[in-house]
Amino acid sequence: MSHNHNHHHQQKGVLGLGKSAPRRIHEITGSQVQSLLAKLQVLYHHLPHLANLPLQELTSSEDYTAGEVLGGGKHVLQESSILCHLRRVGALDVADDPDPDPDAISAATPLTAIEFGAGTGRLSERLQRSSRHRPTNHVLIDRQDFSPSQCRDGAMRNRANDGESILRIVGDIAEFDISKYCRRPDTGTNERRDTCAVCLCMSKHLCGPACDLAIATLGRVAPPSQRPPFAFATCCHYLCTWDSFAGRDYWVRLGLTEEDFEVAITASQWYSLKGTSNHIDDSCVEEDVSASVIGSLSRPDIQLTLGKAGAALEEYASQEHSPPSISSEDFELTFSRGEKAKLGCTIKRLLDLTRAAKLQELGYDTELVKYTTWSIENRLLVGRVA
């Protein structure tokens, strides 16, 4: 497939899927927030992820030049960290050789790299420019139709080798047919096939329901053994919708309700009160969490952990509890800016934790990690089929 073809594709179908109108903070009451806080306090003791996430900020000099870091700083380092996590789970491997020679790279099964919520295509371009990767076709999908002057597609096509393609799809992730990119070519022989992935999925800005639609897309790949490795940086949880939320079943298993969800996604906006600085310290709670506990968080049995937490909340719910002792009006006056930011942080992690449980259900060895200290939106879901 030549890189001179399939430059741009307008995806037909229902383009409104996944859209949502954000709820305003004034639409939730102090009583609702206090009720959610009481439940989260129970869950906190059983979900270490809510206290802190393991920091895995990875970078590689393969991905950028010193000048780029000086000029573009944090975005360059964030993109590199995402690519390093994909390498860490073997998404960019050439067969089983961690240090292949150039001939092995050129002869390897071509890779298709799919970037969801691609925007102008910076993450895809960062991957293309990285050294030591095998022949790669790029598929960039975004609902917004960017002008060619805004996109990195042209530069990518100029840089592409013969046989590599750059395809941009303007459309909704819900309409995207990923299965054709996940099929391993049939060589027609009985020779042992290589074990490297033929497809990967990635995103640096998978906003709100777009993340849930991407997870649903992974789940449509059959058989499950062909589901591609992924690295999704999540953000904009206030845009999530109950109907499309990938972690909904696990949210309910925790003992949380649809009303709790609506309050949570609205209150998640408070995390922005944390502010921004060069390096972000985003501990959601003041309690210390030991290094030994943090070290065990990367790849837990998230489904089992959520099950235990749900049982604890069920026991809490079976007991009689007096209504919030502070009126909504007084609570709204006394709930501090710092407390609001911590609550927003906890909510975002809980939402992503239930998404991780869904990904484990789909057969993925899934991790939820903090991949950067350069942004408050620093959570990365990463995994590969176990």
Protein backbone atom coordinates (compact mmCIF):
# COMPACT_ATOMS: atom_id res chain seq x y z
CA MET A 1 0.00 0.00 0.00
CA SER A 2 1.71 3.19 -1.13
CA HIS A 3 1.89 6.32 0.95
CA ASN A 4 0.56 8.24 -2.02
CA HIS A 5 -2.95 6.88 -1.47
CA ASN A 6 -5.72 7.08 1.12
CA HIS A 7 -4.69 10.45 2.46
CA HIS A 8 -8.07 11.46 3.85
CA HIS A 9 -11.31 9.65 4.46
CA GLN A 10 -14.64 11.08 5.59
CA GLN A 11 -16.28 8.34 7.60
CA LYS A 12 -19.98 8.00 6.89
CA GLY A 13 -22.53 7.19 9.53
CA VAL A 14 -23.78 8.62 12.77
CA LEU A 15 -21.21 11.23 13.74
CA GLY A 16 -22.95 12.31 16.92
CA LEU A 17 -22.14 9.21 18.94
CA GLY A 18 -20.19 9.93 22.08
CA LYS A 19 -21.12 13.60 22.20
CA SER A 20 -22.19 14.95 25.56
CA ALA A 21 -23.18 18.22 27.15
CA PRO A 22 -21.06 18.87 30.24
CA ARG A 23 -22.88 19.33 33.53
CA ARG A 24 -22.26 22.55 35.42
CA ILE A 25 -20.98 22.57 38.98
CA HIS A 26 -24.04 24.48 40.14
CA GLU A 27 -26.21 21.53 39.09
CA ILE A 28 -25.05 19.38 42.03
CA THR A 29 -25.80 20.07 45.69
CA GLY A 30 -23.63 20.01 48.78
CA SER A 31 -25.74 17.14 50.12
CA GLN A 32 -25.01 15.05 47.01
CA VAL A 33 -21.29 15.76 47.30
CA GLN A 34 -21.27 14.81 51.00
CA SER A 35 -23.04 11.53 50.21
CA LEU A 36 -20.47 10.70 47.52
CA LEU A 37 -17.60 11.66 49.83
CA ALA A 38 -18.84 9.25 52.51
CA LYS A 39 -18.84 6.37 50.01
CA LEU A 40 -15.42 7.27 48.63
CA GLN A 41 -14.02 7.31 52.17
CA VAL A 42 -15.07 3.66 52.53
CA LEU A 43 -13.64 2.72 49.15
CA TYR A 44 -10.38 4.56 49.78
CA HIS A 45 -9.22 2.04 52.39
CA HIS A 46 -9.58 -0.80 49.87
CA LEU A 47 -8.35 0.91 46.69
CA PRO A 48 -4.73 2.08 47.02
CA HIS A 49 -4.96 3.61 43.54
CA LEU A 50 -7.15 6.35 45.01
CA ALA A 51 -4.33 7.41 47.31
CA ASN A 52 -1.60 7.45 44.73
CA LEU A 53 -0.58 5.98 41.42
CA PRO A 54 2.78 4.40 40.62
CA LEU A 55 4.88 7.00 38.80
CA GLN A 56 6.27 5.55 35.58
CA GLU A 57 7.50 8.59 33.69
CA LEU A 58 9.55 7.05 30.89
CA THR A 59 11.44 8.84 28.13
CA SER A 60 13.85 7.83 25.39
CA SER A 61 16.32 9.87 23.38
CA GLU A 62 15.09 7.89 20.36
CA ASP A 63 11.95 9.99 20.39
CA TYR A 64 13.21 13.58 20.35
CA THR A 65 16.14 15.92 20.00
CA ALA A 66 17.54 18.16 22.72
CA GLY A 67 16.30 21.17 20.78
CA GLU A 68 12.74 19.86 20.79
CA VAL A 69 12.76 19.52 24.55
CA LEU A 70 14.02 23.07 24.91
CA GLY A 71 11.44 24.36 22.45
CA GLY A 72 8.40 22.14 23.05
CA GLY A 73 9.15 20.90 26.52
CA LYS A 74 6.41 19.02 28.26
CA HIS A 75 4.42 17.82 25.22
CA VAL A 76 7.50 16.18 23.73
CA LEU A 77 8.25 14.39 27.00
CA GLN A 78 4.63 13.26 27.40
CA GLU A 79 4.59 11.82 23.88
CA SER A 80 7.86 10.03 24.52
CA SER A 81 6.54 8.53 27.75
CA ILE A 82 3.49 7.11 25.97
CA LEU A 83 5.70 5.54 23.30
CA CYS A 84 8.02 4.12 25.95
CA HIS A 85 5.06 2.48 27.67
CA LEU A 86 4.06 0.91 24.36
CA ARG A 87 7.60 -0.42 24.03
CA ARG A 88 7.49 -1.67 27.60
CA VAL A 89 4.47 -3.88 26.89
CA GLY A 90 6.02 -5.15 23.65
CA ALA A 91 3.75 -3.28 21.24
CA LEU A 92 6.69 -2.19 19.08
CA ASP A 93 8.72 -5.41 19.28
CA VAL A 94 10.09 -7.07 16.17
CA ALA A 95 9.30 -10.75 16.84
CA ASP A 96 11.07 -11.84 20.03
CA ASP A 97 14.30 -9.92 19.47
CA PRO A 98 14.75 -6.88 21.77
CA ASP A 99 17.66 -5.61 19.67
CA PRO A 100 16.95 -6.54 16.04
CA ASP A 101 19.28 -5.81 13.15
CA PRO A 102 18.12 -3.59 10.24
CA ASP A 103 17.36 -6.57 8.00
CA ALA A 104 15.07 -8.08 10.62
CA ILE A 105 13.26 -4.76 11.00
CA SER A 106 12.64 -4.34 7.27
CA ALA A 107 11.47 -7.96 6.92
CA ALA A 108 9.11 -7.84 9.93
CA THR A 109 5.33 -7.91 9.65
CA PRO A 110 4.19 -4.31 9.02
CA LEU A 111 2.64 -2.55 12.00
CA THR A 112 -0.51 -0.42 11.90
CA ALA A 113 -0.50 2.34 14.51
CA ILE A 114 -3.97 3.74 15.21
CA GLU A 115 -4.20 7.07 17.01
CA PHE A 116 -7.62 7.80 18.49
CA GLY A 117 -8.50 11.46 19.06
CA ALA A 118 -5.49 12.20 16.91
CA GLY A 119 -5.90 15.97 16.71
CA THR A 120 -3.13 17.28 14.48
CA GLY A 121 -1.24 13.97 14.66
CA ARG A 122 1.69 14.85 16.89
CA LEU A 123 1.83 11.50 18.69
CA SER A 124 1.75 9.57 15.41
CA GLU A 125 4.52 11.75 14.02
CA ARG A 126 6.55 11.19 17.17
CA LEU A 127 6.26 7.43 16.65
CA GLN A 128 7.18 7.71 12.98
CA ARG A 129 10.29 9.71 13.79
CA SER A 130 11.49 7.28 16.44
CA SER A 131 14.41 5.15 15.38
CA ARG A 132 14.45 1.35 15.36
CA HIS A 133 10.87 0.63 14.39
CA ARG A 134 9.56 -1.70 11.77
CA PRO A 135 7.53 -0.67 8.68
CA THR A 136 4.50 1.20 10.02
CA ASN A 137 1.21 2.35 8.53
CA HIS A 138 -0.54 5.13 10.44
CA VAL A 139 -4.29 5.60 10.90
CA LEU A 140 -5.34 8.86 12.55
CA ILE A 141 -8.97 9.21 13.59
CA ASP A 142 -10.65 12.33 14.94
CA ARG A 143 -14.15 13.72 14.74
CA GLN A 144 -12.85 17.21 13.95
CA ASP A 145 -11.88 17.96 10.38
CA PHE A 146 -8.58 19.82 10.71
CA SER A 147 -7.21 21.90 7.87
CA PRO A 148 -4.14 20.39 6.16
CA SER A 149 -2.00 23.29 7.36
CA GLN A 150 -2.73 22.35 10.98
CA CYS A 151 -1.93 18.66 10.64
CA ARG A 152 1.35 16.76 10.68
CA ASP A 153 0.03 14.37 8.02
CA GLY A 154 1.86 16.04 5.15
CA ALA A 155 5.21 15.90 6.91
CA MET A 156 4.55 12.27 7.79
CA ARG A 157 3.83 11.36 4.16
CA ASN A 158 7.01 13.06 3.04
CA ARG A 159 8.95 11.07 5.61
CA ALA A 160 7.22 7.71 4.98
CA ASN A 161 9.13 4.89 3.36
CA ASP A 162 7.87 3.07 0.29
CA GLY A 163 4.94 0.85 1.20
CA GLU A 164 3.99 2.86 4.29
CA SER A 165 0.66 4.69 4.35
CA ILE A 166 -0.80 7.64 6.27
CA LEU A 167 -4.61 7.58 6.53
CA ARG A 168 -6.69 10.22 8.30
CA ILE A 169 -10.31 9.38 9.10
CA VAL A 170 -12.75 12.14 10.02
CA GLY A 171 -15.49 10.47 12.02
CA ASP A 172 -16.61 8.97 15.29
CA ILE A 173 -14.66 6.24 17.07
CA ALA A 174 -17.93 4.34 17.54
CA GLU A 175 -18.16 3.91 13.77
CA PHE A 176 -14.56 2.80 13.29
CA ASP A 177 -13.99 -0.74 12.01
CA ILE A 178 -10.76 -1.76 13.70
CA SER A 179 -10.92 -5.48 12.98
CA LYS A 180 -9.35 -5.30 9.52
CA TYR A 181 -6.21 -3.75 11.00
CA CYS A 182 -5.79 -6.51 13.59
CA ARG A 183 -5.64 -9.49 11.24
CA ARG A 184 -2.26 -11.14 10.90
CA PRO A 185 -1.39 -11.77 7.24
CA ASP A 186 -1.68 -15.39 6.13
CA THR A 187 1.65 -16.43 4.64
CA GLY A 188 0.14 -19.54 3.12
CA THR A 189 2.89 -21.67 4.66
CA ASN A 190 3.30 -23.72 7.78
CA GLU A 191 6.28 -21.66 8.90
CA ARG A 192 6.22 -20.31 12.44
CA ARG A 193 4.70 -16.86 12.42
CA ASP A 194 6.35 -14.05 14.35
CA THR A 195 4.72 -13.02 17.60
CA CYS A 196 4.92 -9.25 17.26
CA ALA A 197 1.74 -7.17 17.27
CA VAL A 198 0.32 -6.23 13.87
CA CYS A 199 -1.63 -3.30 15.29
CA LEU A 200 -1.50 -0.93 18.25
CA CYS A 201 -3.81 1.79 19.54
CA MET A 202 -2.73 4.97 21.29
CA SER A 203 -3.90 8.42 22.31
CA LYS A 204 -2.55 11.41 24.20
CA HIS A 205 -5.91 13.15 24.57
CA LEU A 206 -8.73 10.59 24.77
CA CYS A 207 -11.36 12.93 26.13
CA GLY A 208 -14.41 11.82 28.11
CA PRO A 209 -16.57 9.31 26.23
CA ALA A 210 -13.99 8.96 23.45
CA CYS A 211 -11.99 6.75 25.82
CA ASP A 212 -15.03 4.57 26.47
CA LEU A 213 -15.78 4.26 22.75
CA ALA A 214 -12.15 3.27 22.14
CA ILE A 215 -12.38 0.55 24.81
CA ALA A 216 -15.60 -0.70 23.23
CA THR A 217 -13.80 -0.77 19.87
CA LEU A 218 -11.07 -2.98 21.32
CA GLY A 219 -13.75 -5.31 22.67
CA ARG A 220 -15.21 -5.84 19.21
CA VAL A 221 -12.02 -7.45 17.93
CA ALA A 222 -12.40 -11.21 17.69
CA PRO A 223 -10.91 -13.55 18.59
CA PRO A 224 -9.69 -11.87 21.79
CA SER A 225 -6.13 -13.02 21.13
CA GLN A 226 -5.97 -10.53 18.23
CA ARG A 227 -6.91 -7.52 20.35
CA PRO A 228 -4.17 -4.91 19.93
CA PRO A 229 -1.95 -3.46 22.67
CA PHE A 230 -2.88 0.08 23.69
CA ALA A 231 -1.81 3.17 25.63
CA PHE A 232 -4.57 5.70 26.35
CA ALA A 233 -4.00 8.95 28.26
CA THR A 234 -7.38 9.89 29.71
CA CYS A 235 -8.81 13.35 30.32
CA CYS A 236 -11.99 15.45 30.46
CA HIS A 237 -13.95 13.03 32.64
CA TYR A 238 -16.71 15.62 33.07
CA LEU A 239 -17.77 14.82 29.50
CA CYS A 240 -18.38 11.11 30.24
CA THR A 241 -21.88 9.70 29.80
CA TRP A 242 -23.56 6.91 31.75
CA ASP A 243 -24.77 5.12 28.62
CA SER A 244 -21.32 4.88 27.02
CA PHE A 245 -19.12 4.60 30.13
CA ALA A 246 -16.94 1.50 29.78
CA GLY A 247 -16.56 1.01 33.54
CA ARG A 248 -20.28 1.22 34.28
CA ASP A 249 -20.73 -2.43 35.37
CA TYR A 250 -17.81 -2.15 37.78
CA TRP A 251 -19.05 1.21 39.06
CA VAL A 252 -22.33 -0.51 39.95
CA ARG A 253 -20.52 -3.52 41.47
CA LEU A 254 -18.79 -1.08 43.80
CA GLY A 255 -22.21 -0.12 45.10
CA LEU A 256 -22.26 3.25 43.36
CA THR A 257 -25.30 4.52 41.49
CA GLU A 258 -26.04 6.43 38.32
CA GLU A 259 -26.70 9.51 40.48
CA ASP A 260 -23.27 9.03 42.10
CA PHE A 261 -21.79 8.89 38.60
CA GLU A 262 -23.45 12.13 37.53
CA VAL A 263 -22.28 13.88 40.70
CA ALA A 264 -18.78 12.41 40.27
CA ILE A 265 -18.20 13.47 36.68
CA THR A 266 -19.45 16.96 37.51
CA ALA A 267 -17.23 17.25 40.58
CA SER A 268 -14.24 15.91 38.62
CA GLN A 269 -13.93 19.40 37.15
CA TRP A 270 -12.67 20.58 40.52
CA TYR A 271 -9.34 18.89 39.86
CA SER A 272 -8.49 21.84 37.61
CA LEU A 273 -8.36 23.96 40.80
CA LYS A 274 -5.06 22.22 41.46
CA GLY A 275 -3.55 24.64 38.99
CA THR A 276 -0.61 23.96 36.74
CA SER A 277 3.11 24.25 37.24
CA ASN A 278 6.15 22.70 35.60
CA HIS A 279 6.00 19.58 37.74
CA ILE A 280 2.77 18.40 39.31
CA ASP A 281 2.45 16.73 42.72
CA ASP A 282 -1.04 15.29 42.57
CA SER A 283 -1.43 13.11 45.65
CA CYS A 284 -5.17 12.84 46.16
CA VAL A 285 -4.95 12.41 49.92
CA GLU A 286 -2.67 13.60 52.66
CA GLU A 287 -1.98 10.15 54.13
CA ASP A 288 1.36 8.59 53.26
CA VAL A 289 1.37 5.44 51.19
CA SER A 290 4.39 3.22 51.64
CA ALA A 291 6.74 2.54 48.75
CA SER A 292 6.03 -1.19 49.04
CA VAL A 293 2.33 -0.57 48.49
CA ILE A 294 2.91 1.79 45.57
CA GLY A 295 5.22 -0.76 43.95
CA SER A 296 2.45 -3.35 43.97
CA LEU A 297 -0.12 -1.13 42.26
CA SER A 298 1.05 -1.35 38.67
CA ARG A 299 -0.56 -4.62 37.71
CA PRO A 300 -3.02 -5.80 40.38
CA ASP A 301 -6.06 -7.96 39.81
CA ILE A 302 -8.22 -4.88 39.47
CA GLN A 303 -11.47 -6.83 39.20
CA LEU A 304 -10.75 -8.66 42.47
CA THR A 305 -9.72 -5.43 44.19
CA LEU A 306 -12.91 -3.68 43.12
CA GLY A 307 -14.94 -6.68 44.30
CA LYS A 308 -13.51 -6.43 47.81
CA ALA A 309 -14.07 -2.68 47.88
CA GLY A 310 -17.66 -3.17 46.72
CA ALA A 311 -18.30 -5.64 49.52
CA ALA A 312 -17.04 -3.09 52.04
CA LEU A 313 -19.33 -0.42 50.64
CA GLU A 314 -22.26 -2.86 50.65
CA GLU A 315 -21.67 -3.47 54.35
CA TYR A 316 -21.51 0.29 54.91
CA ALA A 317 -24.78 0.79 53.01
CA SER A 318 -26.54 -1.88 55.09
CA GLN A 319 -25.99 0.17 58.23
CA GLU A 320 -28.03 3.16 59.23
CA HIS A 321 -26.35 6.48 58.59
CA SER A 322 -27.63 9.89 59.52
CA PRO A 323 -27.97 12.42 56.71
CA PRO A 324 -25.14 14.90 56.16
CA SER A 325 -24.73 17.03 59.26
CA ILE A 326 -23.96 20.15 57.25
CA SER A 327 -26.57 21.80 55.07
CA SER A 328 -25.85 22.14 51.37
CA GLU A 329 -25.48 25.87 51.74
CA ASP A 330 -23.00 25.67 54.63
CA PHE A 331 -21.08 22.84 52.99
CA GLU A 332 -20.64 24.82 49.79
CA LEU A 333 -19.23 27.69 51.83
CA THR A 334 -16.80 25.56 53.88
CA PHE A 335 -15.61 22.95 51.36
CA SER A 336 -12.19 24.37 50.54
CA ARG A 337 -10.50 24.77 47.19
CA GLY A 338 -7.87 22.19 48.17
CA GLU A 339 -10.52 19.67 49.25
CA LYS A 340 -12.33 20.15 45.96
CA ALA A 341 -9.14 19.52 43.98
CA LYS A 342 -8.42 16.33 45.94
CA LEU A 343 -11.95 15.08 45.38
CA GLY A 344 -11.65 15.75 41.64
CA CYS A 345 -8.38 13.79 41.56
CA THR A 346 -9.88 10.83 43.44
CA ILE A 347 -12.89 10.72 41.13
CA LYS A 348 -10.77 10.70 37.98
CA ARG A 349 -8.71 7.80 39.30
CA LEU A 350 -11.79 5.84 40.33
CA LEU A 351 -13.38 6.30 36.91
CA ASP A 352 -10.20 5.11 35.21
CA LEU A 353 -9.87 2.20 37.63
CA THR A 354 -13.29 0.88 36.63
CA ARG A 355 -12.27 1.28 32.98
CA ALA A 356 -9.14 -0.76 33.73
CA ALA A 357 -11.33 -3.49 35.22
CA LYS A 358 -13.34 -3.58 31.99
CA LEU A 359 -10.12 -3.93 30.00
CA GLN A 360 -9.07 -6.83 32.23
CA GLU A 361 -12.45 -8.41 31.50
CA LEU A 362 -11.62 -8.11 27.79
CA GLY A 363 -8.48 -10.17 28.37
CA TYR A 364 -5.93 -7.39 28.79
CA ASP A 365 -3.06 -7.34 31.24
CA THR A 366 -3.91 -3.76 32.21
CA GLU A 367 -2.12 -1.09 34.21
CA LEU A 368 -3.18 2.34 35.39
CA VAL A 369 -0.11 4.49 35.94
CA LYS A 370 0.98 8.11 36.26
CA TYR A 371 2.97 8.60 33.08
CA THR A 372 4.01 12.25 33.40
CA THR A 373 4.67 14.93 36.00
CA TRP A 374 4.17 17.71 33.45
CA SER A 375 0.37 17.79 33.48
CA ILE A 376 -2.50 17.29 35.91
CA GLU A 377 -4.01 14.98 33.27
CA ASN A 378 -1.34 12.37 33.93
CA ARG A 379 -3.13 9.00 33.96
CA LEU A 380 -2.32 6.34 31.38
CA LEU A 381 -4.19 3.11 30.74
CA VAL A 382 -1.76 0.69 29.10
CA GLY A 383 -1.95 -3.00 28.34
CA ARG A 384 -1.61 -5.99 26.10
CA VAL A 385 -3.66 -9.16 25.84
CA ALA A 386 -2.39 -11.54 28.52
